[in-house]
Amino acid sequence: MNYYDAFHERQLQVDIDMPDEEIMLSADPSAVIRVVENLVSNVLKHASGSVQISLKEESSSIVFTIRNKTDVMTEQDVERIFDRFYTGDTARNKKGTGLGLSIAQSLMKKMNGELFATLKNHQFIITCQWKKRT
C-alpha cells in the first residue's frame, strides 16, 4: 500500500502519527489491509485539504483513526455512512456506490473490532478499534 502519489495528486496534506515501536494486533492481516485500503480510498475520493491519520495503542485497545475537514457532511450522513450503497452528500453522489465503508465495517465486526464515524467541529472522523488480548 503506497498512497503517496494519490495523496499528492489530490493535493491532500497528510499528517501521519504512528508510534516508533511495533504494535501487535491479533487480527486477520488481509482483513486489516482491506479495511485500511477502503478507508484510505474513501479519503482519497472525498477529502480536501488536510488529512490526519493516526495509530495508537491504548490500555485496552488499538485505535486507527482518519480525520479530515468537511463542510458538506451532516449528522444524518454520518448516521448512515456505513449503510450499503449510501452516498448521501452531494460530493459523494457521483463517486462510487458507497460499498467500501459497509465492507470495512463488516470486516471489523468479523475481527471483533469496531468501526465508527463521528462529525465534530467540521471534522469527519472515522475510527477502527480492536480490543487488545489480555
C-alpha atoms as a PDB file:
ATOM      1  CA  MET A   1       0.000   0.000   0.000  1.00  0.00           C
ATOM      2  CA  ASN A   2       1.683   3.148  -1.194  1.00  0.00           C
ATOM      3  CA  TYR A   3      -0.714   6.052  -1.476  1.00  0.00           C
ATOM      4  CA  TYR A   4       1.841   8.864  -1.570  1.00  0.00           C
ATOM      5  CA  ASP A   5       1.258   9.665  -5.255  1.00  0.00           C
ATOM      6  CA  ALA A   6      -2.524   9.536  -4.913  1.00  0.00           C
ATOM      7  CA  PHE A   7      -2.489  11.944  -1.954  1.00  0.00           C
ATOM      8  CA  HIS A   8      -0.098  14.210  -3.872  1.00  0.00           C
ATOM      9  CA  GLU A   9      -2.294  14.185  -6.989  1.00  0.00           C
ATOM     10  CA  ARG A  10      -5.339  15.152  -4.909  1.00  0.00           C
ATOM     11  CA  GLN A  11      -3.255  17.879  -3.220  1.00  0.00           C
ATOM     12  CA  LEU A  12      -4.038  16.447   0.189  1.00  0.00           C
ATOM     13  CA  GLN A  13      -1.678  17.280   3.015  1.00  0.00           C
ATOM     14  CA  VAL A  14      -1.305  14.196   5.164  1.00  0.00           C
ATOM     15  CA  ASP A  15      -0.165  14.215   8.768  1.00  0.00           C
ATOM     16  CA  ILE A  16       0.666  10.690   9.927  1.00  0.00           C
ATOM     17  CA  ASP A  17       1.091   9.944  13.618  1.00  0.00           C
ATOM     18  CA  MET A  18       2.407   6.423  14.184  1.00  0.00           C
ATOM     19  CA  PRO A  19       4.424   5.165  17.140  1.00  0.00           C
ATOM     20  CA  ASP A  20       8.059   4.209  16.626  1.00  0.00           C
ATOM     21  CA  GLU A  21       7.591   0.872  18.373  1.00  0.00           C
ATOM     22  CA  GLU A  22       5.664  -2.008  16.857  1.00  0.00           C
ATOM     23  CA  ILE A  23       2.056  -2.509  17.824  1.00  0.00           C
ATOM     24  CA  MET A  24       0.914  -6.112  17.939  1.00  0.00           C
ATOM     25  CA  LEU A  25      -2.622  -6.776  16.792  1.00  0.00           C
ATOM     26  CA  SER A  26      -4.335 -10.133  16.857  1.00  0.00           C
ATOM     27  CA  ALA A  27      -6.476  -9.969  13.705  1.00  0.00           C
ATOM     28  CA  ASP A  28      -6.771 -11.297  10.160  1.00  0.00           C
ATOM     29  CA  PRO A  29      -3.967  -9.480   8.271  1.00  0.00           C
ATOM     30  CA  SER A  30      -5.792  -9.494   4.923  1.00  0.00           C
ATOM     31  CA  ALA A  31      -8.952  -8.105   6.557  1.00  0.00           C
ATOM     32  CA  VAL A  32      -6.970  -5.342   8.297  1.00  0.00           C
ATOM     33  CA  ILE A  33      -5.361  -4.408   4.974  1.00  0.00           C
ATOM     34  CA  ARG A  34      -8.745  -4.353   3.241  1.00  0.00           C
ATOM     35  CA  VAL A  35     -10.255  -2.145   5.952  1.00  0.00           C
ATOM     36  CA  VAL A  36      -7.368   0.337   5.778  1.00  0.00           C
ATOM     37  CA  GLU A  37      -7.459   0.344   1.965  1.00  0.00           C
ATOM     38  CA  ASN A  38     -11.208   1.044   1.975  1.00  0.00           C
ATOM     39  CA  LEU A  39     -10.824   3.877   4.481  1.00  0.00           C
ATOM     40  CA  VAL A  40      -7.924   5.456   2.596  1.00  0.00           C
ATOM     41  CA  SER A  41      -9.791   5.061  -0.695  1.00  0.00           C
ATOM     42  CA  ASN A  42     -12.749   6.883   0.867  1.00  0.00           C
ATOM     43  CA  VAL A  43     -10.485   9.739   1.951  1.00  0.00           C
ATOM     44  CA  LEU A  44      -8.922   9.954  -1.498  1.00  0.00           C
ATOM     45  CA  LYS A  45     -12.355  10.211  -3.113  1.00  0.00           C
ATOM     46  CA  HIS A  46     -13.950  12.694  -0.743  1.00  0.00           C
ATOM     47  CA  ALA A  47     -11.443  14.673   1.327  1.00  0.00           C
ATOM     48  CA  SER A  48      -9.957  18.042   0.589  1.00  0.00           C
ATOM     49  CA  GLY A  49      -7.200  19.972   2.312  1.00  0.00           C
ATOM     50  CA  SER A  50      -5.554  18.111   5.143  1.00  0.00           C
ATOM     51  CA  VAL A  51      -5.926  14.568   6.434  1.00  0.00           C
ATOM     52  CA  GLN A  52      -4.719  13.226   9.774  1.00  0.00           C
ATOM     53  CA  ILE A  53      -4.004   9.521  10.140  1.00  0.00           C
ATOM     54  CA  SER A  54      -3.030   8.013  13.480  1.00  0.00           C
ATOM     55  CA  LEU A  55      -2.389   4.660  15.068  1.00  0.00           C
ATOM     56  CA  LYS A  56      -2.075   4.317  18.815  1.00  0.00           C
ATOM     57  CA  GLU A  57      -2.088   1.717  21.499  1.00  0.00           C
ATOM     58  CA  GLU A  58      -4.338   2.453  24.434  1.00  0.00           C
ATOM     59  CA  SER A  59      -4.603   0.485  27.653  1.00  0.00           C
ATOM     60  CA  SER A  60      -7.237  -1.922  26.340  1.00  0.00           C
ATOM     61  CA  SER A  61      -7.327  -1.311  22.583  1.00  0.00           C
ATOM     62  CA  ILE A  62      -5.533  -0.488  19.347  1.00  0.00           C
ATOM     63  CA  VAL A  63      -7.003   2.571  17.637  1.00  0.00           C
ATOM     64  CA  PHE A  64      -6.597   3.621  13.989  1.00  0.00           C
ATOM     65  CA  THR A  65      -8.134   6.980  13.096  1.00  0.00           C
ATOM     66  CA  ILE A  66      -8.503   9.019   9.925  1.00  0.00           C
ATOM     67  CA  ARG A  67      -9.898  12.531  10.069  1.00  0.00           C
ATOM     68  CA  ASN A  68     -10.469  15.216   7.502  1.00  0.00           C
ATOM     69  CA  LYS A  69     -12.222  18.554   7.249  1.00  0.00           C
ATOM     70  CA  THR A  70     -15.678  18.582   5.711  1.00  0.00           C
ATOM     71  CA  ASP A  71     -18.198  21.300   5.100  1.00  0.00           C
ATOM     72  CA  VAL A  72     -20.689  19.100   3.238  1.00  0.00           C
ATOM     73  CA  MET A  73     -21.367  16.204   5.615  1.00  0.00           C
ATOM     74  CA  THR A  74     -24.234  16.315   8.066  1.00  0.00           C
ATOM     75  CA  GLU A  75     -25.030  14.279  11.171  1.00  0.00           C
ATOM     76  CA  GLN A  76     -27.571  12.376   9.037  1.00  0.00           C
ATOM     77  CA  ASP A  77     -24.782  11.426   6.599  1.00  0.00           C
ATOM     78  CA  VAL A  78     -22.640  10.153   9.471  1.00  0.00           C
ATOM     79  CA  GLU A  79     -25.523   8.099  10.883  1.00  0.00           C
ATOM     80  CA  ARG A  80     -25.933   6.328   7.525  1.00  0.00           C
ATOM     81  CA  ILE A  81     -22.329   6.291   6.292  1.00  0.00           C
ATOM     82  CA  PHE A  82     -21.995   2.513   6.761  1.00  0.00           C
ATOM     83  CA  ASP A  83     -25.271   1.663   5.004  1.00  0.00           C
ATOM     84  CA  ARG A  84     -24.721  -0.273   1.791  1.00  0.00           C
ATOM     85  CA  PHE A  85     -24.932   1.999  -1.270  1.00  0.00           C
ATOM     86  CA  TYR A  86     -25.443   5.176   0.799  1.00  0.00           C
ATOM     87  CA  THR A  87     -23.980   8.227  -0.931  1.00  0.00           C
ATOM     88  CA  GLY A  88     -25.723  10.989   0.959  1.00  0.00           C
ATOM     89  CA  ASP A  89     -23.831  14.212   0.448  1.00  0.00           C
ATOM     90  CA  THR A  90     -23.599  15.923  -2.908  1.00  0.00           C
ATOM     91  CA  ALA A  91     -19.858  15.384  -3.152  1.00  0.00           C
ATOM     92  CA  ARG A  92     -20.410  11.615  -2.984  1.00  0.00           C
ATOM     93  CA  ASN A  93     -23.288  11.276  -5.450  1.00  0.00           C
ATOM     94  CA  LYS A  94     -21.062  10.885  -8.494  1.00  0.00           C
ATOM     95  CA  LYS A  95     -18.174   8.949  -6.973  1.00  0.00           C
ATOM     96  CA  GLY A  96     -18.852   5.310  -6.287  1.00  0.00           C
ATOM     97  CA  THR A  97     -21.522   3.159  -4.739  1.00  0.00           C
ATOM     98  CA  GLY A  98     -20.804   3.578  -1.035  1.00  0.00           C
ATOM     99  CA  LEU A  99     -19.912  -0.089  -0.554  1.00  0.00           C
ATOM    100  CA  GLY A 100     -16.367   0.438   0.787  1.00  0.00           C
ATOM    101  CA  LEU A 101     -17.307   1.621   4.265  1.00  0.00           C
ATOM    102  CA  SER A 102     -20.016  -1.014   4.612  1.00  0.00           C
ATOM    103  CA  ILE A 103     -17.495  -3.725   3.735  1.00  0.00           C
ATOM    104  CA  ALA A 104     -14.946  -2.239   6.134  1.00  0.00           C
ATOM    105  CA  GLN A 105     -17.464  -2.259   8.971  1.00  0.00           C
ATOM    106  CA  SER A 106     -18.440  -5.854   8.222  1.00  0.00           C
ATOM    107  CA  LEU A 107     -14.778  -6.937   8.277  1.00  0.00           C
ATOM    108  CA  MET A 108     -14.199  -5.114  11.567  1.00  0.00           C
ATOM    109  CA  LYS A 109     -17.158  -6.928  13.137  1.00  0.00           C
ATOM    110  CA  LYS A 110     -15.752 -10.274  11.962  1.00  0.00           C
ATOM    111  CA  MET A 111     -12.488  -9.386  13.726  1.00  0.00           C
ATOM    112  CA  ASN A 112     -14.404  -8.459  16.917  1.00  0.00           C
ATOM    113  CA  GLY A 113     -13.486  -4.833  16.334  1.00  0.00           C
ATOM    114  CA  GLU A 114     -15.480  -1.660  15.901  1.00  0.00           C
ATOM    115  CA  LEU A 115     -15.634   0.872  13.092  1.00  0.00           C
ATOM    116  CA  PHE A 116     -17.490   4.080  13.779  1.00  0.00           C
ATOM    117  CA  ALA A 117     -17.728   7.606  12.434  1.00  0.00           C
ATOM    118  CA  THR A 118     -18.280  10.961  14.076  1.00  0.00           C
ATOM    119  CA  LEU A 119     -18.594  14.555  12.968  1.00  0.00           C
ATOM    120  CA  LYS A 120     -17.027  17.118  15.271  1.00  0.00           C
ATOM    121  CA  ASN A 121     -16.154  20.745  14.521  1.00  0.00           C
ATOM    122  CA  HIS A 122     -16.410  20.178  10.745  1.00  0.00           C
ATOM    123  CA  GLN A 123     -14.102  17.167  11.044  1.00  0.00           C
ATOM    124  CA  PHE A 124     -15.207  13.782   9.719  1.00  0.00           C
ATOM    125  CA  ILE A 125     -13.557  11.222  11.983  1.00  0.00           C
ATOM    126  CA  ILE A 126     -13.571   7.517  11.245  1.00  0.00           C
ATOM    127  CA  THR A 127     -12.152   5.169  13.860  1.00  0.00           C
ATOM    128  CA  CYS A 128     -11.193   1.484  13.886  1.00  0.00           C
ATOM    129  CA  GLN A 129     -10.820  -0.033  17.321  1.00  0.00           C
ATOM    130  CA  TRP A 130      -9.583  -3.504  18.156  1.00  0.00           C
ATOM    131  CA  LYS A 131      -9.630  -4.867  21.707  1.00  0.00           C
ATOM    132  CA  LYS A 132      -6.250  -5.978  22.965  1.00  0.00           C
ATOM    133  CA  ARG A 133      -5.936  -9.554  24.076  1.00  0.00           C
ATOM    134  CA  THR A 134      -5.279  -9.954  27.760  1.00  0.00           C
END
